[in-house]
PDB file of all heavy atoms in Angstrom:
ATOM      1  N   ALA A   1      -6.344 -24.075  11.711  1.00  0.00           N
ATOM      2  CA  ALA A   1      -5.307 -24.404  12.692  1.00  0.00           C
ATOM      3  C   ALA A   1      -4.486 -23.183  13.092  1.00  0.00           C
ATOM      4  O   ALA A   1      -3.942 -23.136  14.198  1.00  0.00           O
ATOM      5  CB  ALA A   1      -4.395 -25.503  12.134  1.00  0.00           C
ATOM      6  N   LEU A   2      -4.395 -22.196  12.192  1.00  0.00           N
ATOM      7  CA  LEU A   2      -3.609 -20.994  12.472  1.00  0.00           C
ATOM      8  C   LEU A   2      -4.496 -19.768  12.685  1.00  0.00           C
ATOM      9  O   LEU A   2      -4.030 -18.639  12.543  1.00  0.00           O
ATOM     10  CB  LEU A   2      -2.631 -20.733  11.316  1.00  0.00           C
ATOM     11  CG  LEU A   2      -1.595 -21.831  11.073  1.00  0.00           C
ATOM     12  CD1 LEU A   2      -0.765 -21.509   9.825  1.00  0.00           C
ATOM     13  CD2 LEU A   2      -0.688 -21.999  12.280  1.00  0.00           C
ATOM     14  N   LYS A   3      -5.755 -20.017  13.017  1.00  0.00           N
ATOM     15  CA  LYS A   3      -6.687 -18.901  13.189  1.00  0.00           C
ATOM     16  C   LYS A   3      -6.225 -17.940  14.283  1.00  0.00           C
ATOM     17  O   LYS A   3      -6.466 -16.723  14.207  1.00  0.00           O
ATOM     18  CB  LYS A   3      -8.076 -19.436  13.527  1.00  0.00           C
ATOM     19  CG  LYS A   3      -9.135 -18.347  13.631  1.00  0.00           C
ATOM     20  CD  LYS A   3     -10.532 -18.923  13.841  1.00  0.00           C
ATOM     21  CE  LYS A   3     -11.577 -17.798  13.881  1.00  0.00           C
ATOM     22  NZ  LYS A   3     -12.952 -18.332  14.039  1.00  0.00           N
ATOM     23  N   LYS A   4      -5.544 -18.441  15.288  1.00  0.00           N
ATOM     24  CA  LYS A   4      -5.059 -17.596  16.382  1.00  0.00           C
ATOM     25  C   LYS A   4      -4.141 -16.491  15.872  1.00  0.00           C
ATOM     26  O   LYS A   4      -4.112 -15.386  16.417  1.00  0.00           O
ATOM     27  CB  LYS A   4      -4.322 -18.466  17.401  1.00  0.00           C
ATOM     28  CG  LYS A   4      -3.667 -17.691  18.527  1.00  0.00           C
ATOM     29  CD  LYS A   4      -2.918 -18.621  19.461  1.00  0.00           C
ATOM     30  CE  LYS A   4      -2.181 -17.827  20.542  1.00  0.00           C
ATOM     31  NZ  LYS A   4      -1.398 -18.711  21.452  1.00  0.00           N
ATOM     32  N   TYR A   5      -3.398 -16.792  14.802  1.00  0.00           N
ATOM     33  CA  TYR A   5      -2.426 -15.829  14.288  1.00  0.00           C
ATOM     34  C   TYR A   5      -2.950 -15.027  13.103  1.00  0.00           C
ATOM     35  O   TYR A   5      -2.701 -13.825  13.001  1.00  0.00           O
ATOM     36  CB  TYR A   5      -1.138 -16.563  13.879  1.00  0.00           C
ATOM     37  CG  TYR A   5      -0.509 -17.346  14.997  1.00  0.00           C
ATOM     38  CD1 TYR A   5      -0.653 -18.730  15.065  1.00  0.00           C
ATOM     39  CD2 TYR A   5       0.206 -16.710  15.998  1.00  0.00           C
ATOM     40  CE1 TYR A   5      -0.093 -19.461  16.087  1.00  0.00           C
ATOM     41  CE2 TYR A   5       0.775 -17.431  17.044  1.00  0.00           C
ATOM     42  CZ  TYR A   5       0.625 -18.806  17.087  1.00  0.00           C
ATOM     43  OH  TYR A   5       1.173 -19.516  18.115  1.00  0.00           O
ATOM     44  N   PHE A   6      -3.659 -15.695  12.190  1.00  0.00           N
ATOM     45  CA  PHE A   6      -4.040 -15.050  10.935  1.00  0.00           C
ATOM     46  C   PHE A   6      -5.546 -14.870  10.762  1.00  0.00           C
ATOM     47  O   PHE A   6      -5.989 -14.330   9.750  1.00  0.00           O
ATOM     48  CB  PHE A   6      -3.484 -15.847   9.754  1.00  0.00           C
ATOM     49  CG  PHE A   6      -1.997 -16.049   9.819  1.00  0.00           C
ATOM     50  CD1 PHE A   6      -1.451 -17.320   9.928  1.00  0.00           C
ATOM     51  CD2 PHE A   6      -1.135 -14.961   9.792  1.00  0.00           C
ATOM     52  CE1 PHE A   6      -0.084 -17.512  10.002  1.00  0.00           C
ATOM     53  CE2 PHE A   6       0.229 -15.141   9.864  1.00  0.00           C
ATOM     54  CZ  PHE A   6       0.764 -16.416   9.971  1.00  0.00           C
ATOM     55  N   GLY A   7      -6.347 -15.311  11.707  1.00  0.00           N
ATOM     56  CA  GLY A   7      -7.786 -15.077  11.645  1.00  0.00           C
ATOM     57  C   GLY A   7      -8.553 -15.972  10.717  1.00  0.00           C
ATOM     58  O   GLY A   7      -9.758 -15.771  10.534  1.00  0.00           O
ATOM     59  N   ALA A   8      -7.875 -16.964  10.095  1.00  0.00           N
ATOM     60  CA  ALA A   8      -8.533 -17.894   9.161  1.00  0.00           C
ATOM     61  C   ALA A   8      -9.309 -17.120   8.088  1.00  0.00           C
ATOM     62  O   ALA A   8      -8.813 -16.125   7.561  1.00  0.00           O
ATOM     63  CB  ALA A   8      -9.420 -18.866   9.922  1.00  0.00           C
ATOM     64  N   GLN A   9     -10.531 -17.565   7.789  1.00  0.00           N
ATOM     65  CA  GLN A   9     -11.308 -16.917   6.735  1.00  0.00           C
ATOM     66  C   GLN A   9     -11.852 -15.551   7.156  1.00  0.00           C
ATOM     67  O   GLN A   9     -12.269 -14.757   6.312  1.00  0.00           O
ATOM     68  CB  GLN A   9     -12.477 -17.816   6.310  1.00  0.00           C
ATOM     69  CG  GLN A   9     -12.044 -19.119   5.652  1.00  0.00           C
ATOM     70  CD  GLN A   9     -11.210 -18.902   4.409  1.00  0.00           C
ATOM     71  OE1 GLN A   9     -11.498 -18.023   3.593  1.00  0.00           O
ATOM     72  NE2 GLN A   9     -10.167 -19.698   4.246  1.00  0.00           N
ATOM     73  N   ASP A  10     -11.857 -15.277   8.452  1.00  0.00           N
ATOM     74  CA  ASP A  10     -12.304 -13.967   8.926  1.00  0.00           C
ATOM     75  C   ASP A  10     -11.240 -12.895   8.721  1.00  0.00           C
ATOM     76  O   ASP A  10     -11.559 -11.709   8.696  1.00  0.00           O
ATOM     77  CB  ASP A  10     -12.677 -14.041  10.413  1.00  0.00           C
ATOM     78  CG  ASP A  10     -13.875 -14.940  10.667  1.00  0.00           C
ATOM     79  OD1 ASP A  10     -14.720 -15.045   9.755  1.00  0.00           O
ATOM     80  OD2 ASP A  10     -13.952 -15.537  11.755  1.00  0.00           O
ATOM     81  N   GLY A  11      -9.987 -13.304   8.628  1.00  0.00           N
ATOM     82  CA  GLY A  11      -8.913 -12.346   8.399  1.00  0.00           C
ATOM     83  C   GLY A  11      -8.552 -11.546   9.639  1.00  0.00           C
ATOM     84  O   GLY A  11      -8.926 -11.886  10.765  1.00  0.00           O
ATOM     85  N   LEU A  12      -7.815 -10.464   9.412  1.00  0.00           N
ATOM     86  CA  LEU A  12      -7.324  -9.606  10.489  1.00  0.00           C
ATOM     87  C   LEU A  12      -7.791  -8.171  10.267  1.00  0.00           C
ATOM     88  O   LEU A  12      -7.889  -7.708   9.131  1.00  0.00           O
ATOM     89  CB  LEU A  12      -5.798  -9.640  10.545  1.00  0.00           C
ATOM     90  CG  LEU A  12      -5.144 -10.987  10.887  1.00  0.00           C
ATOM     91  CD1 LEU A  12      -3.642 -10.910  10.671  1.00  0.00           C
ATOM     92  CD2 LEU A  12      -5.468 -11.413  12.309  1.00  0.00           C
ATOM     93  N   THR A  13      -8.063  -7.483  11.368  1.00  0.00           N
ATOM     94  CA  THR A  13      -8.455  -6.075  11.305  1.00  0.00           C
ATOM     95  C   THR A  13      -7.735  -5.310  12.419  1.00  0.00           C
ATOM     96  O   THR A  13      -6.957  -5.885  13.181  1.00  0.00           O
ATOM     97  CB  THR A  13      -9.979  -5.916  11.469  1.00  0.00           C
ATOM     98  OG1 THR A  13     -10.373  -6.503  12.722  1.00  0.00           O
ATOM     99  CG2 THR A  13     -10.739  -6.601  10.343  1.00  0.00           C
ATOM    100  N   SER A  14      -8.024  -4.011  12.508  1.00  0.00           N
ATOM    101  CA  SER A  14      -7.518  -3.157  13.597  1.00  0.00           C
ATOM    102  C   SER A  14      -5.992  -3.052  13.606  1.00  0.00           C
ATOM    103  O   SER A  14      -5.354  -3.187  14.649  1.00  0.00           O
ATOM    104  CB  SER A  14      -8.007  -3.685  14.960  1.00  0.00           C
ATOM    105  OG  SER A  14      -9.413  -3.782  14.996  1.00  0.00           O
ATOM    106  N   PHE A  15      -5.414  -2.814  12.441  1.00  0.00           N
ATOM    107  CA  PHE A  15      -3.961  -2.648  12.375  1.00  0.00           C
ATOM    108  C   PHE A  15      -3.547  -1.351  11.677  1.00  0.00           C
ATOM    109  O   PHE A  15      -2.355  -1.074  11.547  1.00  0.00           O
ATOM    110  CB  PHE A  15      -3.328  -3.833  11.622  1.00  0.00           C
ATOM    111  CG  PHE A  15      -3.938  -4.083  10.269  1.00  0.00           C
ATOM    112  CD1 PHE A  15      -3.563  -3.341   9.168  1.00  0.00           C
ATOM    113  CD2 PHE A  15      -4.894  -5.062  10.111  1.00  0.00           C
ATOM    114  CE1 PHE A  15      -4.132  -3.558   7.930  1.00  0.00           C
ATOM    115  CE2 PHE A  15      -5.465  -5.302   8.867  1.00  0.00           C
ATOM    116  CZ  PHE A  15      -5.086  -4.545   7.776  1.00  0.00           C
ATOM    117  N   SER A  16      -4.495  -0.566  11.187  1.00  0.00           N
ATOM    118  CA  SER A  16      -4.156   0.586  10.348  1.00  0.00           C
ATOM    119  C   SER A  16      -4.187   1.920  11.079  1.00  0.00           C
ATOM    120  O   SER A  16      -4.143   2.972  10.441  1.00  0.00           O
ATOM    121  CB  SER A  16      -5.105   0.648   9.148  1.00  0.00           C
ATOM    122  OG  SER A  16      -6.454   0.724   9.592  1.00  0.00           O
ATOM    123  N   ALA A  17      -4.238   1.892  12.419  1.00  0.00           N
ATOM    124  CA  ALA A  17      -4.353   3.150  13.168  1.00  0.00           C
ATOM    125  C   ALA A  17      -3.154   4.063  12.944  1.00  0.00           C
ATOM    126  O   ALA A  17      -3.307   5.282  12.779  1.00  0.00           O
ATOM    127  CB  ALA A  17      -4.518   2.850  14.658  1.00  0.00           C
ATOM    128  N   ASP A  18      -1.945   3.493  12.933  1.00  0.00           N
ATOM    129  CA  ASP A  18      -0.736   4.311  12.733  1.00  0.00           C
ATOM    130  C   ASP A  18      -0.739   4.976  11.362  1.00  0.00           C
ATOM    131  O   ASP A  18      -0.297   6.122  11.212  1.00  0.00           O
ATOM    132  CB  ASP A  18       0.520   3.447  12.883  1.00  0.00           C
ATOM    133  CG  ASP A  18       0.777   3.042  14.326  1.00  0.00           C
ATOM    134  OD1 ASP A  18       0.117   3.615  15.212  1.00  0.00           O
ATOM    135  OD2 ASP A  18       1.624   2.167  14.562  1.00  0.00           O
ATOM    136  N   PHE A  19      -1.224   4.246  10.357  1.00  0.00           N
ATOM    137  CA  PHE A  19      -1.280   4.805   9.002  1.00  0.00           C
ATOM    138  C   PHE A  19      -2.305   5.927   8.926  1.00  0.00           C
ATOM    139  O   PHE A  19      -2.028   7.007   8.387  1.00  0.00           O
ATOM    140  CB  PHE A  19      -1.626   3.690   8.010  1.00  0.00           C
ATOM    141  CG  PHE A  19      -1.808   4.165   6.589  1.00  0.00           C
ATOM    142  CD1 PHE A  19      -0.714   4.500   5.810  1.00  0.00           C
ATOM    143  CD2 PHE A  19      -3.080   4.274   6.041  1.00  0.00           C
ATOM    144  CE1 PHE A  19      -0.880   4.938   4.506  1.00  0.00           C
ATOM    145  CE2 PHE A  19      -3.256   4.714   4.742  1.00  0.00           C
ATOM    146  CZ  PHE A  19      -2.152   5.047   3.970  1.00  0.00           C
ATOM    147  N   ARG A  20      -3.479   5.698   9.480  1.00  0.00           N
ATOM    148  CA  ARG A  20      -4.539   6.702   9.408  1.00  0.00           C
ATOM    149  C   ARG A  20      -4.241   7.920  10.283  1.00  0.00           C
ATOM    150  O   ARG A  20      -4.770   9.002  10.039  1.00  0.00           O
ATOM    151  CB  ARG A  20      -5.870   6.070   9.798  1.00  0.00           C
ATOM    152  CG  ARG A  20      -6.323   5.016   8.780  1.00  0.00           C
ATOM    153  CD  ARG A  20      -7.728   4.526   9.019  1.00  0.00           C
ATOM    154  NE  ARG A  20      -8.150   3.636   7.941  1.00  0.00           N
ATOM    155  CZ  ARG A  20      -9.358   3.111   7.836  1.00  0.00           C
ATOM    156  NH1 ARG A  20     -10.269   3.371   8.768  1.00  0.00           N
ATOM    157  NH2 ARG A  20      -9.665   2.332   6.820  1.00  0.00           N
ATOM    158  N   ALA A  21      -3.381   7.744  11.285  1.00  0.00           N
ATOM    159  CA  ALA A  21      -3.019   8.883  12.136  1.00  0.00           C
ATOM    160  C   ALA A  21      -2.237   9.939  11.362  1.00  0.00           C
ATOM    161  O   ALA A  21      -2.203  11.108  11.767  1.00  0.00           O
ATOM    162  CB  ALA A  21      -2.209   8.397  13.329  1.00  0.00           C
ATOM    163  N   LEU A  22      -1.624   9.544  10.259  1.00  0.00           N
ATOM    164  CA  LEU A  22      -0.847  10.482   9.435  1.00  0.00           C
ATOM    165  C   LEU A  22      -1.687  11.129   8.337  1.00  0.00           C
ATOM    166  O   LEU A  22      -1.150  11.891   7.524  1.00  0.00           O
ATOM    167  CB  LEU A  22       0.343   9.750   8.797  1.00  0.00           C
ATOM    168  CG  LEU A  22       1.382   9.155   9.761  1.00  0.00           C
ATOM    169  CD1 LEU A  22       2.450   8.411   8.980  1.00  0.00           C
ATOM    170  CD2 LEU A  22       2.013  10.244  10.619  1.00  0.00           C
ATOM    171  N   ASN A  23      -2.970  10.830   8.311  1.00  0.00           N
ATOM    172  CA  ASN A  23      -3.849  11.339   7.258  1.00  0.00           C
ATOM    173  C   ASN A  23      -3.878  12.869   7.253  1.00  0.00           C
ATOM    174  O   ASN A  23      -4.284  13.484   8.245  1.00  0.00           O
ATOM    175  CB  ASN A  23      -5.268  10.791   7.468  1.00  0.00           C
ATOM    176  CG  ASN A  23      -6.165  11.015   6.269  1.00  0.00           C
ATOM    177  OD1 ASN A  23      -5.900  11.870   5.425  1.00  0.00           O
ATOM    178  ND2 ASN A  23      -7.232  10.244   6.190  1.00  0.00           N
ATOM    179  N   PRO A  24      -3.463  13.499   6.148  1.00  0.00           N
ATOM    180  CA  PRO A  24      -3.472  14.965   6.105  1.00  0.00           C
ATOM    181  C   PRO A  24      -4.846  15.557   5.787  1.00  0.00           C
ATOM    182  O   PRO A  24      -5.030  16.767   5.885  1.00  0.00           O
ATOM    183  CB  PRO A  24      -2.486  15.276   4.976  1.00  0.00           C
ATOM    184  CG  PRO A  24      -2.618  14.116   4.044  1.00  0.00           C
ATOM    185  CD  PRO A  24      -2.884  12.918   4.925  1.00  0.00           C
ATOM    186  N   PHE A  25      -5.805  14.708   5.416  1.00  0.00           N
ATOM    187  CA  PHE A  25      -7.126  15.197   5.026  1.00  0.00           C
ATOM    188  C   PHE A  25      -8.055  15.202   6.242  1.00  0.00           C
ATOM    189  O   PHE A  25      -8.102  14.244   7.013  1.00  0.00           O
ATOM    190  CB  PHE A  25      -7.724  14.323   3.925  1.00  0.00           C
ATOM    191  CG  PHE A  25      -6.867  14.238   2.688  1.00  0.00           C
ATOM    192  CD1 PHE A  25      -6.204  13.067   2.367  1.00  0.00           C
ATOM    193  CD2 PHE A  25      -6.708  15.341   1.857  1.00  0.00           C
ATOM    194  CE1 PHE A  25      -5.415  12.979   1.236  1.00  0.00           C
ATOM    195  CE2 PHE A  25      -5.918  15.271   0.726  1.00  0.00           C
ATOM    196  CZ  PHE A  25      -5.259  14.089   0.424  1.00  0.00           C
ATOM    197  N   SER A  26      -8.797  16.267   6.375  1.00  0.00           N
ATOM    198  CA  SER A  26      -9.727  16.403   7.495  1.00  0.00           C
ATOM    199  C   SER A  26     -11.154  15.985   7.127  1.00  0.00           C
ATOM    200  O   SER A  26     -12.019  15.890   7.997  1.00  0.00           O
ATOM    201  CB  SER A  26      -9.747  17.848   7.997  1.00  0.00           C
ATOM    202  OG  SER A  26     -10.116  18.736   6.949  1.00  0.00           O
ATOM    203  N   GLY A  27     -11.397  15.765   5.849  1.00  0.00           N
ATOM    204  CA  GLY A  27     -12.722  15.377   5.399  1.00  0.00           C
ATOM    205  C   GLY A  27     -12.657  14.783   4.010  1.00  0.00           C
ATOM    206  O   GLY A  27     -11.566  14.572   3.450  1.00  0.00           O
ATOM    207  N   PRO A  28     -13.804  14.474   3.401  1.00  0.00           N
ATOM    208  CA  PRO A  28     -13.831  13.915   2.047  1.00  0.00           C
ATOM    209  C   PRO A  28     -13.139  14.827   1.038  1.00  0.00           C
ATOM    210  O   PRO A  28     -13.112  16.048   1.203  1.00  0.00           O
ATOM    211  CB  PRO A  28     -15.323  13.787   1.744  1.00  0.00           C
ATOM    212  CG  PRO A  28     -15.986  13.764   3.085  1.00  0.00           C
ATOM    213  CD  PRO A  28     -15.151  14.625   3.970  1.00  0.00           C
ATOM    214  N   VAL A  29     -12.575  14.221  -0.006  1.00  0.00           N
ATOM    215  CA  VAL A  29     -11.879  14.962  -1.055  1.00  0.00           C
ATOM    216  C   VAL A  29     -12.695  14.875  -2.335  1.00  0.00           C
ATOM    217  O   VAL A  29     -12.996  13.779  -2.811  1.00  0.00           O
ATOM    218  CB  VAL A  29     -10.465  14.398  -1.285  1.00  0.00           C
ATOM    219  CG1 VAL A  29      -9.790  15.098  -2.458  1.00  0.00           C
ATOM    220  CG2 VAL A  29      -9.631  14.544  -0.024  1.00  0.00           C
ATOM    221  N   ASP A  30     -13.062  16.023  -2.884  1.00  0.00           N
ATOM    222  CA  ASP A  30     -13.864  16.086  -4.109  1.00  0.00           C
ATOM    223  C   ASP A  30     -13.095  16.885  -5.150  1.00  0.00           C
ATOM    224  O   ASP A  30     -12.844  18.075  -4.979  1.00  0.00           O
ATOM    225  CB  ASP A  30     -15.212  16.742  -3.824  1.00  0.00           C
ATOM    226  CG  ASP A  30     -16.167  16.636  -5.012  1.00  0.00           C
ATOM    227  OD1 ASP A  30     -15.706  16.253  -6.105  1.00  0.00           O
ATOM    228  OD2 ASP A  30     -17.356  16.938  -4.841  1.00  0.00           O
ATOM    229  N   LEU A  31     -12.675  16.196  -6.226  1.00  0.00           N
ATOM    230  CA  LEU A  31     -11.938  16.844  -7.303  1.00  0.00           C
ATOM    231  C   LEU A  31     -12.836  17.211  -8.475  1.00  0.00           C
ATOM    232  O   LEU A  31     -12.342  17.565  -9.541  1.00  0.00           O
ATOM    233  CB  LEU A  31     -10.806  15.927  -7.789  1.00  0.00           C
ATOM    234  CG  LEU A  31      -9.776  15.515  -6.735  1.00  0.00           C
ATOM    235  CD1 LEU A  31      -8.720  14.614  -7.370  1.00  0.00           C
ATOM    236  CD2 LEU A  31      -9.120  16.735  -6.097  1.00  0.00           C
ATOM    237  N   GLY A  32     -14.115  17.123  -8.290  1.00  0.00           N
ATOM    238  CA  GLY A  32     -15.046  17.437  -9.366  1.00  0.00           C
ATOM    239  C   GLY A  32     -15.500  16.200 -10.109  1.00  0.00           C
ATOM    240  O   GLY A  32     -16.679  15.832 -10.062  1.00  0.00           O
ATOM    241  N   PHE A  33     -14.576  15.530 -10.763  1.00  0.00           N
ATOM    242  CA  PHE A  33     -14.941  14.341 -11.528  1.00  0.00           C
ATOM    243  C   PHE A  33     -14.762  13.061 -10.714  1.00  0.00           C
ATOM    244  O   PHE A  33     -15.244  11.996 -11.097  1.00  0.00           O
ATOM    245  CB  PHE A  33     -14.128  14.264 -12.828  1.00  0.00           C
ATOM    246  CG  PHE A  33     -12.644  14.092 -12.613  1.00  0.00           C
ATOM    247  CD1 PHE A  33     -12.053  12.856 -12.765  1.00  0.00           C
ATOM    248  CD2 PHE A  33     -11.842  15.178 -12.269  1.00  0.00           C
ATOM    249  CE1 PHE A  33     -10.691  12.689 -12.569  1.00  0.00           C
ATOM    250  CE2 PHE A  33     -10.486  15.030 -12.090  1.00  0.00           C
ATOM    251  CZ  PHE A  33      -9.906  13.774 -12.233  1.00  0.00           C
ATOM    252  N   VAL A  34     -14.052  13.151  -9.584  1.00  0.00           N
ATOM    253  CA  VAL A  34     -13.913  12.015  -8.673  1.00  0.00           C
ATOM    254  C   VAL A  34     -13.986  12.530  -7.241  1.00  0.00           C
ATOM    255  O   VAL A  34     -13.681  13.698  -6.974  1.00  0.00           O
ATOM    256  CB  VAL A  34     -12.589  11.248  -8.872  1.00  0.00           C
ATOM    257  CG1 VAL A  34     -12.545  10.552 -10.211  1.00  0.00           C
ATOM    258  CG2 VAL A  34     -11.392  12.183  -8.717  1.00  0.00           C
ATOM    259  N   SER A  35     -14.376  11.657  -6.341  1.00  0.00           N
ATOM    260  CA  SER A  35     -14.408  12.024  -4.924  1.00  0.00           C
ATOM    261  C   SER A  35     -14.141  10.782  -4.098  1.00  0.00           C
ATOM    262  O   SER A  35     -14.522   9.665  -4.486  1.00  0.00           O
ATOM    263  CB  SER A  35     -15.758  12.641  -4.543  1.00  0.00           C
ATOM    264  OG  SER A  35     -16.803  11.713  -4.742  1.00  0.00           O
ATOM    265  N   TRP A  36     -13.448  10.980  -2.981  1.00  0.00           N
ATOM    266  CA  TRP A  36     -13.138   9.880  -2.082  1.00  0.00           C
ATOM    267  C   TRP A  36     -13.405  10.301  -0.643  1.00  0.00           C
ATOM    268  O   TRP A  36     -13.347  11.488  -0.306  1.00  0.00           O
ATOM    269  CB  TRP A  36     -11.668   9.462  -2.207  1.00  0.00           C
ATOM    270  CG  TRP A  36     -11.310   8.832  -3.501  1.00  0.00           C
ATOM    271  CD1 TRP A  36     -11.638   7.582  -3.933  1.00  0.00           C
ATOM    272  CD2 TRP A  36     -10.513   9.400  -4.549  1.00  0.00           C
ATOM    273  NE1 TRP A  36     -11.117   7.337  -5.181  1.00  0.00           N
ATOM    274  CE2 TRP A  36     -10.411   8.442  -5.583  1.00  0.00           C
ATOM    275  CE3 TRP A  36      -9.869  10.624  -4.713  1.00  0.00           C
ATOM    276  CZ2 TRP A  36      -9.717   8.670  -6.744  1.00  0.00           C
ATOM    277  CZ3 TRP A  36      -9.170  10.862  -5.885  1.00  0.00           C
ATOM    278  CH2 TRP A  36      -9.090   9.894  -6.885  1.00  0.00           C
ATOM    279  N   SER A  37     -13.643   9.331   0.204  1.00  0.00           N
ATOM    280  CA  SER A  37     -13.742   9.603   1.628  1.00  0.00           C
ATOM    281  C   SER A  37     -12.371   9.994   2.160  1.00  0.00           C
ATOM    282  O   SER A  37     -11.349   9.845   1.473  1.00  0.00           O
ATOM    283  CB  SER A  37     -14.257   8.357   2.371  1.00  0.00           C
ATOM    284  OG  SER A  37     -13.292   7.310   2.308  1.00  0.00           O
ATOM    285  N   LYS A  38     -12.333  10.465   3.373  1.00  0.00           N
ATOM    286  CA  LYS A  38     -11.074  10.914   3.969  1.00  0.00           C
ATOM    287  C   LYS A  38     -10.030   9.800   3.982  1.00  0.00           C
ATOM    288  O   LYS A  38      -8.883  10.009   3.568  1.00  0.00           O
ATOM    289  CB  LYS A  38     -11.331  11.408   5.400  1.00  0.00           C
ATOM    290  CG  LYS A  38     -10.083  11.890   6.133  1.00  0.00           C
ATOM    291  CD  LYS A  38     -10.402  12.376   7.530  1.00  0.00           C
ATOM    292  CE  LYS A  38     -10.733  11.205   8.442  1.00  0.00           C
ATOM    293  NZ  LYS A  38     -10.841  11.622   9.858  1.00  0.00           N
ATOM    294  N   ASP A  39     -10.421   8.613   4.426  1.00  0.00           N
ATOM    295  CA  ASP A  39      -9.467   7.508   4.523  1.00  0.00           C
ATOM    296  C   ASP A  39      -9.042   7.012   3.144  1.00  0.00           C
ATOM    297  O   ASP A  39      -7.862   6.707   2.914  1.00  0.00           O
ATOM    298  CB  ASP A  39     -10.084   6.359   5.332  1.00  0.00           C
ATOM    299  CG  ASP A  39     -10.255   6.715   6.801  1.00  0.00           C
ATOM    300  OD1 ASP A  39      -9.478   7.540   7.311  1.00  0.00           O
ATOM    301  OD2 ASP A  39     -11.182   6.181   7.443  1.00  0.00           O
ATOM    302  N   ASP A  40      -9.996   6.907   2.211  1.00  0.00           N
ATOM    303  CA  ASP A  40      -9.656   6.469   0.858  1.00  0.00           C
ATOM    304  C   ASP A  40      -8.731   7.470   0.167  1.00  0.00           C
ATOM    305  O   ASP A  40      -7.807   7.074  -0.569  1.00  0.00           O
ATOM    306  CB  ASP A  40     -10.921   6.271   0.021  1.00  0.00           C
ATOM    307  CG  ASP A  40     -11.653   4.987   0.375  1.00  0.00           C
ATOM    308  OD1 ASP A  40     -11.070   4.144   1.072  1.00  0.00           O
ATOM    309  OD2 ASP A  40     -12.812   4.828  -0.041  1.00  0.00           O
ATOM    310  N   ALA A  41      -8.967   8.752   0.381  1.00  0.00           N
ATOM    311  CA  ALA A  41      -8.117   9.776  -0.230  1.00  0.00           C
ATOM    312  C   ALA A  41      -6.683   9.656   0.259  1.00  0.00           C
ATOM    313  O   ALA A  41      -5.728   9.845  -0.516  1.00  0.00           O
ATOM    314  CB  ALA A  41      -8.665  11.167   0.081  1.00  0.00           C
ATOM    315  N   TRP A  42      -6.494   9.323   1.520  1.00  0.00           N
ATOM    316  CA  TRP A  42      -5.143   9.158   2.069  1.00  0.00           C
ATOM    317  C   TRP A  42      -4.468   7.928   1.465  1.00  0.00           C
ATOM    318  O   TRP A  42      -3.279   7.955   1.120  1.00  0.00           O
ATOM    319  CB  TRP A  42      -5.226   9.056   3.586  1.00  0.00           C
ATOM    320  CG  TRP A  42      -3.962   8.756   4.325  1.00  0.00           C
ATOM    321  CD1 TRP A  42      -3.834   7.933   5.402  1.00  0.00           C
ATOM    322  CD2 TRP A  42      -2.650   9.284   4.097  1.00  0.00           C
ATOM    323  NE1 TRP A  42      -2.543   7.900   5.852  1.00  0.00           N
ATOM    324  CE2 TRP A  42      -1.780   8.734   5.056  1.00  0.00           C
ATOM    325  CE3 TRP A  42      -2.127  10.163   3.156  1.00  0.00           C
ATOM    326  CZ2 TRP A  42      -0.422   9.015   5.126  1.00  0.00           C
ATOM    327  CZ3 TRP A  42      -0.764  10.469   3.203  1.00  0.00           C
ATOM    328  CH2 TRP A  42       0.077   9.901   4.178  1.00  0.00           C
ATOM    329  N   VAL A  43      -5.229   6.836   1.299  1.00  0.00           N
ATOM    330  CA  VAL A  43      -4.670   5.646   0.653  1.00  0.00           C
ATOM    331  C   VAL A  43      -4.291   5.953  -0.795  1.00  0.00           C
ATOM    332  O   VAL A  43      -3.237   5.531  -1.282  1.00  0.00           O
ATOM    333  CB  VAL A  43      -5.669   4.473   0.712  1.00  0.00           C
ATOM    334  CG1 VAL A  43      -5.144   3.277  -0.084  1.00  0.00           C
ATOM    335  CG2 VAL A  43      -5.931   4.061   2.153  1.00  0.00           C
TER     336      VAL A  43
END
């Protein structure tokens, strides 16, 4: 009934552009024993 607002079981996407725009990393981050993609490293 509220799918118009909250997307029901499909959920919501396309809201993180402002957050990712502040990402200081230009590529994947590798610390040797761990590594993350650019977006995961920023999170």
